[in-house]
Amino acid sequence: MPEFSGKKARWGIVLALTLLVGCAVAPSMSPEAAKAWTARQSALLNLVHWQATGRIGVVNGQEGWHAGFQWTQQDSGYRIELIGPLGQGRVRVEGDAREVRIQTADGQTQTAPDPDILLEQAVGARLPVQGLRYWIRGLPEPGVAPALQTDAEGRLTRLEQNGWIIEYPAYRYAAPLRRELPERIIARRQDLSVKLVIEEWGR
C-alpha cells in the first residue's frame, strides 16, 4: 500500500508539472515550436549584459511623444537614457534591484524604489520598466503567468502579461550578441501604447 501511494504521489507531481508547462505556452504551439521556444528562452535568460539603441514612441490617451533611447543592462543594474522626450533634452534613469534614480535635463535628481512612478513624473506616462527589461529581449517577465504565441522558430510573436499586450512584428540578427533579437516591439495597455524600434544591439 505505501508503494502504491508513493507511485500515486509521483504521478501527481508529473501531472502538475505538465499542466504548468501547458499554461506557459500557447495550446496551438507545435512540439517543434515548443522545443525551439524552450531552448531560446534559456539562451535569452543568460543574456544579462547588453545594450540597445533606438527610438521610442509613446501615446497616452490624446497625448504622445517620441524620443531616442539607449538602454544598458549589466545583471540587475541598468541605465536608460531618453533623448528628447517632450522637448526635455535628456532624461536618465539608473537603477538596480533596490533603488532607482532619475535625472532630468535641468539637473534635478529624484530617487525611489519604483522606476515606473519616477518616469511618469518626468514624461507623463507610466512605462513598464521592469517588464520591458525582459520584453525587449523577447521574454516574458518572471513571476507572472504569461499567455504567449511563437513562430515555428520559437520567437515570440505575441505576449500577454500584467495587463499588457506585447507584439513582435520583426526580429534581426544581433552580431555582437550572436543572437536573433527583436527589432520592433509594440506594447499596449488600455489607452497607453509604447512602440520601440531597436536600431542597434551591442554589449
N, C-alpha and C. Protein backbone atom coordinates (compact mmCIF):
# COMPACT_ATOMS: atom_id res chain seq x y z
N MET A 1 0.82 -1.23 0.00
CA MET A 1 0.00 0.00 0.00
C MET A 1 0.84 1.27 0.00
N PRO A 2 1.90 1.38 0.84
CA PRO A 2 2.76 2.57 0.81
C PRO A 2 3.42 2.77 -0.54
N GLU A 3 3.81 1.63 -1.20
CA GLU A 3 4.44 1.75 -2.52
C GLU A 3 3.47 2.35 -3.52
N PHE A 4 2.21 1.88 -3.48
CA PHE A 4 1.20 2.42 -4.39
C PHE A 4 0.99 3.91 -4.15
N SER A 5 0.95 4.32 -2.87
CA SER A 5 0.77 5.74 -2.54
C SER A 5 1.93 6.56 -3.05
N GLY A 6 3.14 6.02 -2.96
CA GLY A 6 4.31 6.74 -3.45
C GLY A 6 4.24 6.93 -4.95
N LYS A 7 3.83 5.87 -5.67
CA LYS A 7 3.69 5.98 -7.12
C LYS A 7 2.63 7.01 -7.48
N LYS A 8 1.52 6.97 -6.71
CA LYS A 8 0.44 7.91 -6.97
C LYS A 8 0.88 9.34 -6.77
N ALA A 9 1.67 9.57 -5.72
CA ALA A 9 2.19 10.92 -5.46
C ALA A 9 3.10 11.38 -6.57
N ARG A 10 3.97 10.46 -7.05
CA ARG A 10 4.90 10.83 -8.13
C ARG A 10 4.14 11.20 -9.40
N TRP A 11 3.10 10.40 -9.71
CA TRP A 11 2.29 10.72 -10.89
C TRP A 11 1.58 12.05 -10.73
N GLY A 12 1.18 12.36 -9.49
CA GLY A 12 0.55 13.65 -9.24
C GLY A 12 1.49 14.80 -9.51
N ILE A 13 2.76 14.65 -9.12
CA ILE A 13 3.76 15.70 -9.36
C ILE A 13 3.99 15.87 -10.86
N VAL A 14 4.12 14.73 -11.56
CA VAL A 14 4.34 14.79 -13.02
C VAL A 14 3.17 15.50 -13.70
N LEU A 15 1.94 15.16 -13.28
CA LEU A 15 0.76 15.78 -13.88
C LEU A 15 0.74 17.28 -13.62
N ALA A 16 1.08 17.67 -12.38
CA ALA A 16 1.10 19.10 -12.04
C ALA A 16 2.11 19.85 -12.87
N LEU A 17 3.30 19.27 -13.05
CA LEU A 17 4.33 19.92 -13.86
C LEU A 17 3.90 20.03 -15.30
N THR A 18 3.24 18.98 -15.81
CA THR A 18 2.75 19.01 -17.19
C THR A 18 1.75 20.13 -17.39
N LEU A 19 0.84 20.30 -16.41
CA LEU A 19 -0.17 21.35 -16.51
C LEU A 19 0.48 22.72 -16.45
N LEU A 20 1.52 22.87 -15.61
CA LEU A 20 2.20 24.16 -15.51
C LEU A 20 2.88 24.51 -16.82
N VAL A 21 3.56 23.54 -17.41
CA VAL A 21 4.22 23.78 -18.69
C VAL A 21 3.19 24.14 -19.75
N GLY A 22 2.05 23.44 -19.75
CA GLY A 22 1.00 23.72 -20.72
C GLY A 22 0.47 25.13 -20.61
N CYS A 23 0.42 25.68 -19.39
CA CYS A 23 -0.08 27.05 -19.20
C CYS A 23 0.92 28.08 -19.70
N ALA A 24 2.18 27.70 -19.82
CA ALA A 24 3.21 28.67 -20.18
C ALA A 24 3.30 28.89 -21.67
N VAL A 25 2.71 28.01 -22.47
CA VAL A 25 2.79 28.14 -23.91
C VAL A 25 1.40 28.12 -24.50
N ALA A 26 1.30 28.56 -25.73
CA ALA A 26 0.01 28.56 -26.40
C ALA A 26 -0.42 27.13 -26.69
N PRO A 27 -1.71 26.81 -26.52
CA PRO A 27 -2.18 25.45 -26.77
C PRO A 27 -1.91 24.99 -28.20
N SER A 28 -1.87 25.92 -29.16
CA SER A 28 -1.71 25.55 -30.55
C SER A 28 -0.24 25.41 -30.95
N MET A 29 0.69 25.62 -30.03
CA MET A 29 2.10 25.53 -30.35
C MET A 29 2.48 24.09 -30.67
N SER A 30 3.15 23.88 -31.78
CA SER A 30 3.56 22.54 -32.16
C SER A 30 4.69 22.06 -31.25
N PRO A 31 4.92 20.76 -31.16
CA PRO A 31 6.02 20.26 -30.34
C PRO A 31 7.37 20.84 -30.77
N GLU A 32 7.57 21.02 -32.09
CA GLU A 32 8.83 21.58 -32.58
C GLU A 32 9.00 23.03 -32.13
N ALA A 33 7.91 23.81 -32.24
CA ALA A 33 7.97 25.21 -31.82
C ALA A 33 8.17 25.32 -30.32
N ALA A 34 7.50 24.42 -29.55
CA ALA A 34 7.66 24.44 -28.09
C ALA A 34 9.10 24.13 -27.71
N LYS A 35 9.72 23.18 -28.39
CA LYS A 35 11.11 22.83 -28.12
C LYS A 35 12.03 24.01 -28.47
N ALA A 36 11.76 24.65 -29.62
CA ALA A 36 12.57 25.81 -30.03
C ALA A 36 12.41 26.95 -29.04
N TRP A 37 11.19 27.18 -28.55
CA TRP A 37 10.94 28.25 -27.59
C TRP A 37 11.67 27.99 -26.27
N THR A 38 11.65 26.74 -25.80
CA THR A 38 12.33 26.40 -24.55
C THR A 38 13.82 26.67 -24.65
N ALA A 39 14.43 26.26 -25.77
CA ALA A 39 15.86 26.49 -25.96
C ALA A 39 16.16 27.99 -26.08
N ARG A 40 15.32 28.69 -26.81
CA ARG A 40 15.53 30.13 -27.00
C ARG A 40 15.37 30.87 -25.68
N GLN A 41 14.36 30.52 -24.90
CA GLN A 41 14.11 31.16 -23.62
C GLN A 41 15.31 30.99 -22.69
N SER A 42 15.87 29.79 -22.65
CA SER A 42 17.03 29.53 -21.80
C SER A 42 18.23 30.38 -22.21
N ALA A 43 18.46 30.50 -23.52
CA ALA A 43 19.59 31.29 -24.01
C ALA A 43 19.41 32.78 -23.70
N LEU A 44 18.19 33.29 -23.86
CA LEU A 44 17.93 34.70 -23.62
C LEU A 44 18.01 35.06 -22.14
N LEU A 45 17.62 34.15 -21.27
CA LEU A 45 17.73 34.41 -19.83
C LEU A 45 19.18 34.54 -19.40
N ASN A 46 20.08 33.90 -20.14
CA ASN A 46 21.51 34.01 -19.84
C ASN A 46 22.13 35.29 -20.41
N LEU A 47 21.36 36.02 -21.21
CA LEU A 47 21.85 37.28 -21.78
C LEU A 47 21.56 38.40 -20.78
N VAL A 48 22.53 38.69 -19.92
CA VAL A 48 22.32 39.67 -18.85
C VAL A 48 23.18 40.92 -19.02
N HIS A 49 24.09 40.92 -20.00
CA HIS A 49 24.88 42.11 -20.31
C HIS A 49 24.59 42.50 -21.75
N TRP A 50 23.90 43.64 -21.96
CA TRP A 50 23.54 44.03 -23.32
C TRP A 50 23.26 45.53 -23.37
N GLN A 51 23.22 46.01 -24.60
CA GLN A 51 22.90 47.42 -24.83
C GLN A 51 22.00 47.51 -26.06
N ALA A 52 20.95 48.31 -25.97
CA ALA A 52 20.03 48.51 -27.09
C ALA A 52 19.88 50.00 -27.34
N THR A 53 19.97 50.39 -28.61
CA THR A 53 19.83 51.79 -29.01
C THR A 53 18.76 51.88 -30.08
N GLY A 54 17.90 52.90 -29.96
CA GLY A 54 16.85 53.04 -30.96
C GLY A 54 15.93 54.19 -30.69
N ARG A 55 14.66 54.01 -31.05
CA ARG A 55 13.66 55.06 -30.90
C ARG A 55 12.45 54.52 -30.17
N ILE A 56 11.81 55.38 -29.39
CA ILE A 56 10.61 55.02 -28.66
C ILE A 56 9.52 56.04 -28.94
N GLY A 57 8.31 55.55 -29.15
CA GLY A 57 7.15 56.42 -29.31
C GLY A 57 6.09 56.02 -28.30
N VAL A 58 5.51 57.01 -27.62
CA VAL A 58 4.52 56.75 -26.58
C VAL A 58 3.27 57.56 -26.89
N VAL A 59 2.12 56.88 -26.87
CA VAL A 59 0.83 57.55 -27.00
C VAL A 59 0.04 57.25 -25.73
N ASN A 60 -0.35 58.30 -25.02
CA ASN A 60 -1.08 58.16 -23.76
C ASN A 60 -2.39 58.94 -23.88
N GLY A 61 -3.45 58.21 -24.23
CA GLY A 61 -4.72 58.89 -24.49
C GLY A 61 -4.62 59.76 -25.73
N GLN A 62 -4.84 61.06 -25.57
CA GLN A 62 -4.77 62.01 -26.68
C GLN A 62 -3.39 62.64 -26.82
N GLU A 63 -2.47 62.29 -25.94
CA GLU A 63 -1.14 62.89 -25.95
C GLU A 63 -0.09 61.87 -26.38
N GLY A 64 0.99 62.36 -26.93
CA GLY A 64 2.05 61.47 -27.35
C GLY A 64 3.39 62.17 -27.47
N TRP A 65 4.45 61.40 -27.48
CA TRP A 65 5.79 61.94 -27.67
C TRP A 65 6.69 60.82 -28.19
N HIS A 66 7.82 61.23 -28.72
CA HIS A 66 8.80 60.25 -29.17
C HIS A 66 10.18 60.71 -28.74
N ALA A 67 11.12 59.77 -28.70
CA ALA A 67 12.47 60.09 -28.24
C ALA A 67 13.43 59.02 -28.74
N GLY A 68 14.71 59.34 -28.73
CA GLY A 68 15.73 58.32 -28.89
C GLY A 68 15.98 57.69 -27.53
N PHE A 69 16.47 56.47 -27.53
CA PHE A 69 16.79 55.85 -26.25
C PHE A 69 18.05 55.00 -26.37
N GLN A 70 18.71 54.86 -25.24
CA GLN A 70 19.83 53.92 -25.11
C GLN A 70 19.67 53.20 -23.78
N TRP A 71 19.59 51.90 -23.84
CA TRP A 71 19.38 51.07 -22.64
C TRP A 71 20.61 50.20 -22.47
N THR A 72 21.27 50.31 -21.31
CA THR A 72 22.42 49.48 -20.97
C THR A 72 22.07 48.64 -19.76
N GLN A 73 22.20 47.33 -19.88
CA GLN A 73 21.87 46.41 -18.79
C GLN A 73 23.10 45.61 -18.39
N GLN A 74 23.42 45.61 -17.11
CA GLN A 74 24.51 44.81 -16.56
C GLN A 74 23.96 44.05 -15.35
N ASP A 75 23.63 42.79 -15.54
CA ASP A 75 22.97 42.00 -14.49
C ASP A 75 21.68 42.71 -14.08
N SER A 76 21.52 43.03 -12.79
CA SER A 76 20.30 43.71 -12.34
C SER A 76 20.41 45.23 -12.45
N GLY A 77 21.59 45.74 -12.75
CA GLY A 77 21.78 47.18 -12.87
C GLY A 77 21.50 47.66 -14.30
N TYR A 78 20.90 48.84 -14.43
CA TYR A 78 20.57 49.34 -15.76
C TYR A 78 20.70 50.86 -15.81
N ARG A 79 20.88 51.36 -17.02
CA ARG A 79 20.84 52.79 -17.29
C ARG A 79 20.04 53.00 -18.56
N ILE A 80 19.02 53.83 -18.47
CA ILE A 80 18.17 54.15 -19.63
C ILE A 80 18.27 55.65 -19.87
N GLU A 81 18.63 56.03 -21.07
CA GLU A 81 18.69 57.45 -21.44
C GLU A 81 17.65 57.70 -22.52
N LEU A 82 16.78 58.65 -22.26
CA LEU A 82 15.79 59.10 -23.24
C LEU A 82 16.24 60.46 -23.76
N ILE A 83 16.43 60.57 -25.06
CA ILE A 83 16.95 61.79 -25.65
C ILE A 83 15.82 62.52 -26.37
N GLY A 84 15.39 63.63 -25.79
CA GLY A 84 14.41 64.49 -26.44
C GLY A 84 12.95 64.26 -26.14
N PRO A 85 12.56 63.54 -25.07
CA PRO A 85 11.11 63.40 -24.84
C PRO A 85 10.49 64.72 -24.39
N LEU A 86 9.40 65.12 -25.05
CA LEU A 86 8.66 66.34 -24.69
C LEU A 86 9.56 67.57 -24.68
N GLY A 87 10.59 67.55 -25.53
CA GLY A 87 11.48 68.71 -25.60
C GLY A 87 12.35 68.90 -24.37
N GLN A 88 12.51 67.85 -23.56
CA GLN A 88 13.25 68.00 -22.30
C GLN A 88 14.75 67.79 -22.46
N GLY A 89 15.21 67.47 -23.62
CA GLY A 89 16.64 67.24 -23.79
C GLY A 89 16.99 65.80 -23.50
N ARG A 90 17.41 65.50 -22.27
CA ARG A 90 17.83 64.14 -21.93
C ARG A 90 17.34 63.78 -20.54
N VAL A 91 16.71 62.62 -20.44
CA VAL A 91 16.28 62.08 -19.15
C VAL A 91 17.05 60.79 -18.92
N ARG A 92 17.68 60.67 -17.76
CA ARG A 92 18.48 59.48 -17.45
C ARG A 92 17.88 58.75 -16.26
N VAL A 93 17.70 57.45 -16.42
CA VAL A 93 17.20 56.60 -15.34
C VAL A 93 18.27 55.55 -15.06
N GLU A 94 18.69 55.45 -13.81
CA GLU A 94 19.67 54.45 -13.40
C GLU A 94 19.13 53.71 -12.19
N GLY A 95 19.30 52.41 -12.17
CA GLY A 95 18.77 51.67 -11.04
C GLY A 95 19.30 50.26 -10.96
N ASP A 96 18.86 49.59 -9.91
CA ASP A 96 19.16 48.18 -9.68
C ASP A 96 17.97 47.59 -8.95
N ALA A 97 18.16 46.46 -8.31
CA ALA A 97 17.05 45.78 -7.64
C ALA A 97 16.54 46.54 -6.42
N ARG A 98 17.33 47.49 -5.90
CA ARG A 98 16.96 48.17 -4.66
C ARG A 98 16.45 49.59 -4.86
N GLU A 99 17.03 50.33 -5.81
CA GLU A 99 16.76 51.76 -5.88
C GLU A 99 16.86 52.26 -7.32
N VAL A 100 16.11 53.31 -7.62
CA VAL A 100 16.13 53.92 -8.94
C VAL A 100 16.36 55.42 -8.79
N ARG A 101 17.19 55.97 -9.68
CA ARG A 101 17.45 57.42 -9.70
C ARG A 101 17.12 57.95 -11.09
N ILE A 102 16.49 59.10 -11.13
CA ILE A 102 16.18 59.73 -12.41
C ILE A 102 16.72 61.15 -12.41
N GLN A 103 17.38 61.52 -13.51
CA GLN A 103 17.93 62.86 -13.65
C GLN A 103 17.36 63.49 -14.92
N THR A 104 16.75 64.64 -14.78
CA THR A 104 16.16 65.34 -15.91
C THR A 104 17.16 66.33 -16.50
N ALA A 105 16.78 66.92 -17.63
CA ALA A 105 17.70 67.81 -18.34
C ALA A 105 18.13 69.02 -17.52
N ASP A 106 17.31 69.45 -16.57
CA ASP A 106 17.66 70.61 -15.75
C ASP A 106 18.53 70.25 -14.56
N GLY A 107 18.97 68.98 -14.51
CA GLY A 107 19.88 68.57 -13.45
C GLY A 107 19.20 68.09 -12.18
N GLN A 108 17.88 68.11 -12.14
CA GLN A 108 17.16 67.65 -10.96
C GLN A 108 17.24 66.13 -10.86
N THR A 109 17.47 65.63 -9.65
CA THR A 109 17.58 64.19 -9.42
C THR A 109 16.57 63.75 -8.38
N GLN A 110 15.89 62.64 -8.66
CA GLN A 110 14.95 62.05 -7.72
C GLN A 110 15.28 60.58 -7.54
N THR A 111 14.93 60.03 -6.37
CA THR A 111 15.21 58.63 -6.05
C THR A 111 13.95 57.98 -5.52
N ALA A 112 13.73 56.73 -5.91
CA ALA A 112 12.56 55.98 -5.45
C ALA A 112 12.81 54.51 -5.72
N PRO A 113 12.01 53.62 -5.11
CA PRO A 113 12.16 52.19 -5.39
C PRO A 113 11.47 51.75 -6.68
N ASP A 114 10.62 52.60 -7.27
CA ASP A 114 9.82 52.21 -8.43
C ASP A 114 10.15 53.09 -9.63
N PRO A 115 10.78 52.53 -10.68
CA PRO A 115 11.14 53.34 -11.85
C PRO A 115 9.93 53.82 -12.63
N ASP A 116 8.84 53.04 -12.61
CA ASP A 116 7.65 53.41 -13.38
C ASP A 116 7.05 54.72 -12.89
N ILE A 117 7.01 54.89 -11.55
CA ILE A 117 6.46 56.10 -10.98
C ILE A 117 7.34 57.31 -11.30
N LEU A 118 8.66 57.14 -11.20
CA LEU A 118 9.57 58.25 -11.50
C LEU A 118 9.45 58.69 -12.95
N LEU A 119 9.37 57.73 -13.86
CA LEU A 119 9.25 58.09 -15.27
C LEU A 119 7.92 58.78 -15.55
N GLU A 120 6.87 58.35 -14.87
CA GLU A 120 5.58 59.00 -15.05
C GLU A 120 5.65 60.47 -14.63
N GLN A 121 6.37 60.75 -13.55
CA GLN A 121 6.52 62.12 -13.10
C GLN A 121 7.34 62.95 -14.09
N ALA A 122 8.30 62.31 -14.77
CA ALA A 122 9.18 63.03 -15.68
C ALA A 122 8.60 63.21 -17.07
N VAL A 123 7.92 62.16 -17.60
CA VAL A 123 7.49 62.21 -19.00
C VAL A 123 5.98 62.02 -19.17
N GLY A 124 5.26 61.87 -18.07
CA GLY A 124 3.80 61.85 -18.16
C GLY A 124 3.18 60.52 -18.50
N ALA A 125 3.95 59.42 -18.50
CA ALA A 125 3.39 58.10 -18.79
C ALA A 125 4.12 57.07 -17.95
N ARG A 126 3.38 56.15 -17.38
CA ARG A 126 3.98 55.11 -16.55
C ARG A 126 4.44 53.97 -17.44
N LEU A 127 5.70 53.99 -17.83
CA LEU A 127 6.26 52.95 -18.69
C LEU A 127 6.65 51.74 -17.84
N PRO A 128 6.40 50.53 -18.32
CA PRO A 128 6.67 49.32 -17.54
C PRO A 128 8.14 48.91 -17.61
N VAL A 129 9.00 49.64 -16.88
CA VAL A 129 10.44 49.42 -16.98
C VAL A 129 10.82 47.99 -16.60
N GLN A 130 10.26 47.49 -15.50
CA GLN A 130 10.62 46.14 -15.06
C GLN A 130 10.23 45.09 -16.10
N GLY A 131 9.04 45.24 -16.68
CA GLY A 131 8.64 44.30 -17.71
C GLY A 131 9.46 44.45 -18.97
N LEU A 132 9.72 45.69 -19.37
CA LEU A 132 10.47 45.94 -20.61
C LEU A 132 11.87 45.36 -20.57
N ARG A 133 12.44 45.25 -19.39
CA ARG A 133 13.78 44.64 -19.27
C ARG A 133 13.80 43.25 -19.89
N TYR A 134 12.68 42.53 -19.77
CA TYR A 134 12.56 41.19 -20.35
C TYR A 134 11.92 41.24 -21.73
N TRP A 135 10.86 42.02 -21.87
CA TRP A 135 10.12 42.07 -23.13
C TRP A 135 11.02 42.51 -24.28
N ILE A 136 11.96 43.42 -24.00
CA ILE A 136 12.81 43.93 -25.08
C ILE A 136 13.68 42.82 -25.67
N ARG A 137 13.96 41.78 -24.88
CA ARG A 137 14.74 40.64 -25.38
C ARG A 137 13.86 39.56 -26.00
N GLY A 138 12.53 39.74 -25.90
CA GLY A 138 11.63 38.71 -26.41
C GLY A 138 11.35 37.64 -25.38
N LEU A 139 11.25 38.05 -24.10
CA LEU A 139 10.99 37.13 -22.99
C LEU A 139 9.82 37.63 -22.15
N PRO A 140 9.07 36.73 -21.54
CA PRO A 140 8.10 37.17 -20.54
C PRO A 140 8.81 37.51 -19.24
N GLU A 141 8.23 38.41 -18.47
CA GLU A 141 8.79 38.75 -17.16
C GLU A 141 8.55 37.58 -16.20
N PRO A 142 9.57 37.16 -15.44
CA PRO A 142 9.38 36.05 -14.49
C PRO A 142 8.37 36.40 -13.40
N GLY A 143 7.71 35.38 -12.89
CA GLY A 143 6.84 35.56 -11.74
C GLY A 143 5.38 35.78 -12.04
N VAL A 144 5.06 36.16 -13.26
CA VAL A 144 3.66 36.40 -13.64
C VAL A 144 3.34 35.52 -14.84
N ALA A 145 2.32 34.68 -14.70
CA ALA A 145 1.99 33.72 -15.77
C ALA A 145 1.63 34.45 -17.05
N PRO A 146 2.34 34.18 -18.15
CA PRO A 146 2.03 34.84 -19.42
C PRO A 146 1.16 33.97 -20.32
N ALA A 147 0.53 34.61 -21.28
CA ALA A 147 -0.07 33.92 -22.42
C ALA A 147 0.77 34.31 -23.62
N LEU A 148 1.32 33.35 -24.33
CA LEU A 148 2.25 33.71 -25.40
C LEU A 148 2.02 32.90 -26.66
N GLN A 149 2.49 33.48 -27.75
CA GLN A 149 2.48 32.81 -29.05
C GLN A 149 3.86 32.95 -29.65
N THR A 150 4.30 31.93 -30.37
CA THR A 150 5.60 31.98 -31.03
C THR A 150 5.44 31.56 -32.49
N ASP A 151 6.50 31.83 -33.25
CA ASP A 151 6.52 31.31 -34.62
C ASP A 151 7.18 29.93 -34.60
N ALA A 152 7.38 29.35 -35.76
CA ALA A 152 7.92 27.99 -35.85
C ALA A 152 9.34 27.89 -35.31
N GLU A 153 10.06 29.03 -35.27
CA GLU A 153 11.44 29.03 -34.80
C GLU A 153 11.55 29.37 -33.31
N GLY A 154 10.40 29.45 -32.63
CA GLY A 154 10.42 29.70 -31.20
C GLY A 154 10.56 31.15 -30.81
N ARG A 155 10.39 32.07 -31.75
CA ARG A 155 10.46 33.50 -31.43
C ARG A 155 9.08 34.00 -31.01
N LEU A 156 9.05 34.79 -29.95
CA LEU A 156 7.78 35.35 -29.51
C LEU A 156 7.18 36.23 -30.61
N THR A 157 5.91 36.05 -30.86
CA THR A 157 5.18 36.94 -31.76
C THR A 157 4.15 37.77 -31.01
N ARG A 158 3.66 37.24 -29.89
CA ARG A 158 2.66 37.94 -29.09
C ARG A 158 2.77 37.46 -27.64
N LEU A 159 2.64 38.41 -26.73
CA LEU A 159 2.75 38.10 -25.30
C LEU A 159 1.71 38.92 -24.55
N GLU A 160 0.99 38.29 -23.65
CA GLU A 160 0.05 38.99 -22.78
C GLU A 160 0.49 38.77 -21.34
N GLN A 161 0.76 39.89 -20.63
CA GLN A 161 1.28 39.79 -19.27
C GLN A 161 1.05 41.10 -18.52
N ASN A 162 0.67 41.01 -17.25
CA ASN A 162 0.47 42.19 -16.40
C ASN A 162 -0.51 43.20 -17.01
N GLY A 163 -1.48 42.72 -17.77
CA GLY A 163 -2.43 43.63 -18.40
C GLY A 163 -1.94 44.24 -19.69
N TRP A 164 -0.72 43.90 -20.11
CA TRP A 164 -0.14 44.42 -21.35
C TRP A 164 -0.25 43.38 -22.46
N ILE A 165 -0.41 43.85 -23.68
CA ILE A 165 -0.31 43.01 -24.87
C ILE A 165 0.92 43.49 -25.64
N ILE A 166 1.88 42.60 -25.84
CA ILE A 166 3.14 42.95 -26.49
C ILE A 166 3.25 42.14 -27.78
N GLU A 167 3.51 42.83 -28.89
CA GLU A 167 3.64 42.17 -30.18
C GLU A 167 5.04 42.42 -30.75
N TYR A 168 5.51 41.43 -31.51
CA TYR A 168 6.87 41.47 -32.08
C TYR A 168 6.78 41.32 -33.59
N PRO A 169 6.64 42.44 -34.32
CA PRO A 169 6.49 42.37 -35.78
C PRO A 169 7.77 41.98 -36.52
N ALA A 170 8.95 42.22 -35.91
CA ALA A 170 10.19 41.98 -36.65
C ALA A 170 11.34 41.65 -35.70
N TYR A 171 12.24 40.79 -36.18
CA TYR A 171 13.47 40.43 -35.49
C TYR A 171 14.66 40.73 -36.40
N ARG A 172 15.85 40.79 -35.79
CA ARG A 172 17.07 40.94 -36.58
C ARG A 172 18.19 40.21 -35.86
N TYR A 173 19.21 39.81 -36.64
CA TYR A 173 20.36 39.13 -36.04
C TYR A 173 21.31 40.17 -35.46
N ALA A 174 21.58 40.06 -34.15
CA ALA A 174 22.48 40.98 -33.47
C ALA A 174 23.85 40.32 -33.39
N ALA A 175 24.74 40.68 -34.31
CA ALA A 175 26.05 40.02 -34.39
C ALA A 175 26.86 40.11 -33.09
N PRO A 176 26.90 41.29 -32.41
CA PRO A 176 27.71 41.36 -31.18
C PRO A 176 27.24 40.40 -30.09
N LEU A 177 25.96 40.06 -30.10
CA LEU A 177 25.41 39.18 -29.08
C LEU A 177 25.17 37.77 -29.60
N ARG A 178 25.40 37.57 -30.91
CA ARG A 178 25.26 36.26 -31.55
C ARG A 178 23.88 35.66 -31.35
N ARG A 179 22.87 36.51 -31.44
CA ARG A 179 21.50 36.05 -31.26
C ARG A 179 20.57 36.86 -32.14
N GLU A 180 19.44 36.28 -32.46
CA GLU A 180 18.38 37.00 -33.15
C GLU A 180 17.50 37.64 -32.09
N LEU A 181 17.34 38.96 -32.17
CA LEU A 181 16.64 39.71 -31.13
C LEU A 181 15.59 40.62 -31.77
N PRO A 182 14.62 41.08 -30.98
CA PRO A 182 13.57 41.92 -31.55
C PRO A 182 14.11 43.21 -32.19
N GLU A 183 13.51 43.58 -33.30
CA GLU A 183 13.83 44.83 -33.97
C GLU A 183 12.72 45.86 -33.75
N ARG A 184 11.47 45.37 -33.65
CA ARG A 184 10.33 46.25 -33.36
C ARG A 184 9.44 45.59 -32.31
N ILE A 185 8.95 46.40 -31.39
CA ILE A 185 8.08 45.92 -30.32
C ILE A 185 6.94 46.92 -30.15
N ILE A 186 5.73 46.40 -30.02
CA ILE A 186 4.56 47.24 -29.76
C ILE A 186 3.89 46.71 -28.49
N ALA A 187 3.79 47.57 -27.47
CA ALA A 187 3.17 47.18 -26.20
C ALA A 187 1.97 48.09 -25.95
N ARG A 188 0.84 47.49 -25.61
CA ARG A 188 -0.40 48.26 -25.40
C ARG A 188 -1.05 47.84 -24.09
N ARG A 189 -1.59 48.85 -23.41
CA ARG A 189 -2.40 48.61 -22.21
C ARG A 189 -3.42 49.72 -22.09
N GLN A 190 -4.68 49.37 -22.24
CA GLN A 190 -5.77 50.35 -22.21
C GLN A 190 -5.47 51.45 -23.23
N ASP A 191 -5.36 52.72 -22.79
CA ASP A 191 -5.13 53.80 -23.75
C ASP A 191 -3.66 54.20 -23.85
N LEU A 192 -2.76 53.34 -23.35
CA LEU A 192 -1.33 53.62 -23.42
C LEU A 192 -0.68 52.67 -24.42
N SER A 193 0.08 53.24 -25.36
CA SER A 193 0.78 52.46 -26.37
C SER A 193 2.25 52.84 -26.39
N VAL A 194 3.12 51.85 -26.40
CA VAL A 194 4.57 52.08 -26.43
C VAL A 194 5.14 51.32 -27.63
N LYS A 195 5.82 52.03 -28.51
CA LYS A 195 6.44 51.40 -29.67
C LYS A 195 7.95 51.60 -29.61
N LEU A 196 8.68 50.50 -29.74
CA LEU A 196 10.14 50.53 -29.73
C LEU A 196 10.68 50.06 -31.07
N VAL A 197 11.65 50.79 -31.59
CA VAL A 197 12.41 50.35 -32.76
C VAL A 197 13.86 50.26 -32.31
N ILE A 198 14.41 49.04 -32.29
CA ILE A 198 15.80 48.86 -31.87
C ILE A 198 16.67 48.90 -33.11
N GLU A 199 17.50 49.93 -33.19
CA GLU A 199 18.36 50.11 -34.35
C GLU A 199 19.70 49.41 -34.21
N GLU A 200 20.11 49.16 -32.97
CA GLU A 200 21.42 48.52 -32.76
C GLU A 200 21.42 47.79 -31.42
N TRP A 201 21.89 46.55 -31.46
CA TRP A 201 22.16 45.77 -30.26
C TRP A 201 23.66 45.66 -30.05
N GLY A 202 24.09 45.69 -28.80
CA GLY A 202 25.51 45.56 -28.54
C GLY A 202 25.75 45.14 -27.10
N ARG A 203 27.03 45.15 -26.72
CA ARG A 203 27.42 44.81 -25.36
C ARG A 203 27.79 46.07 -24.59
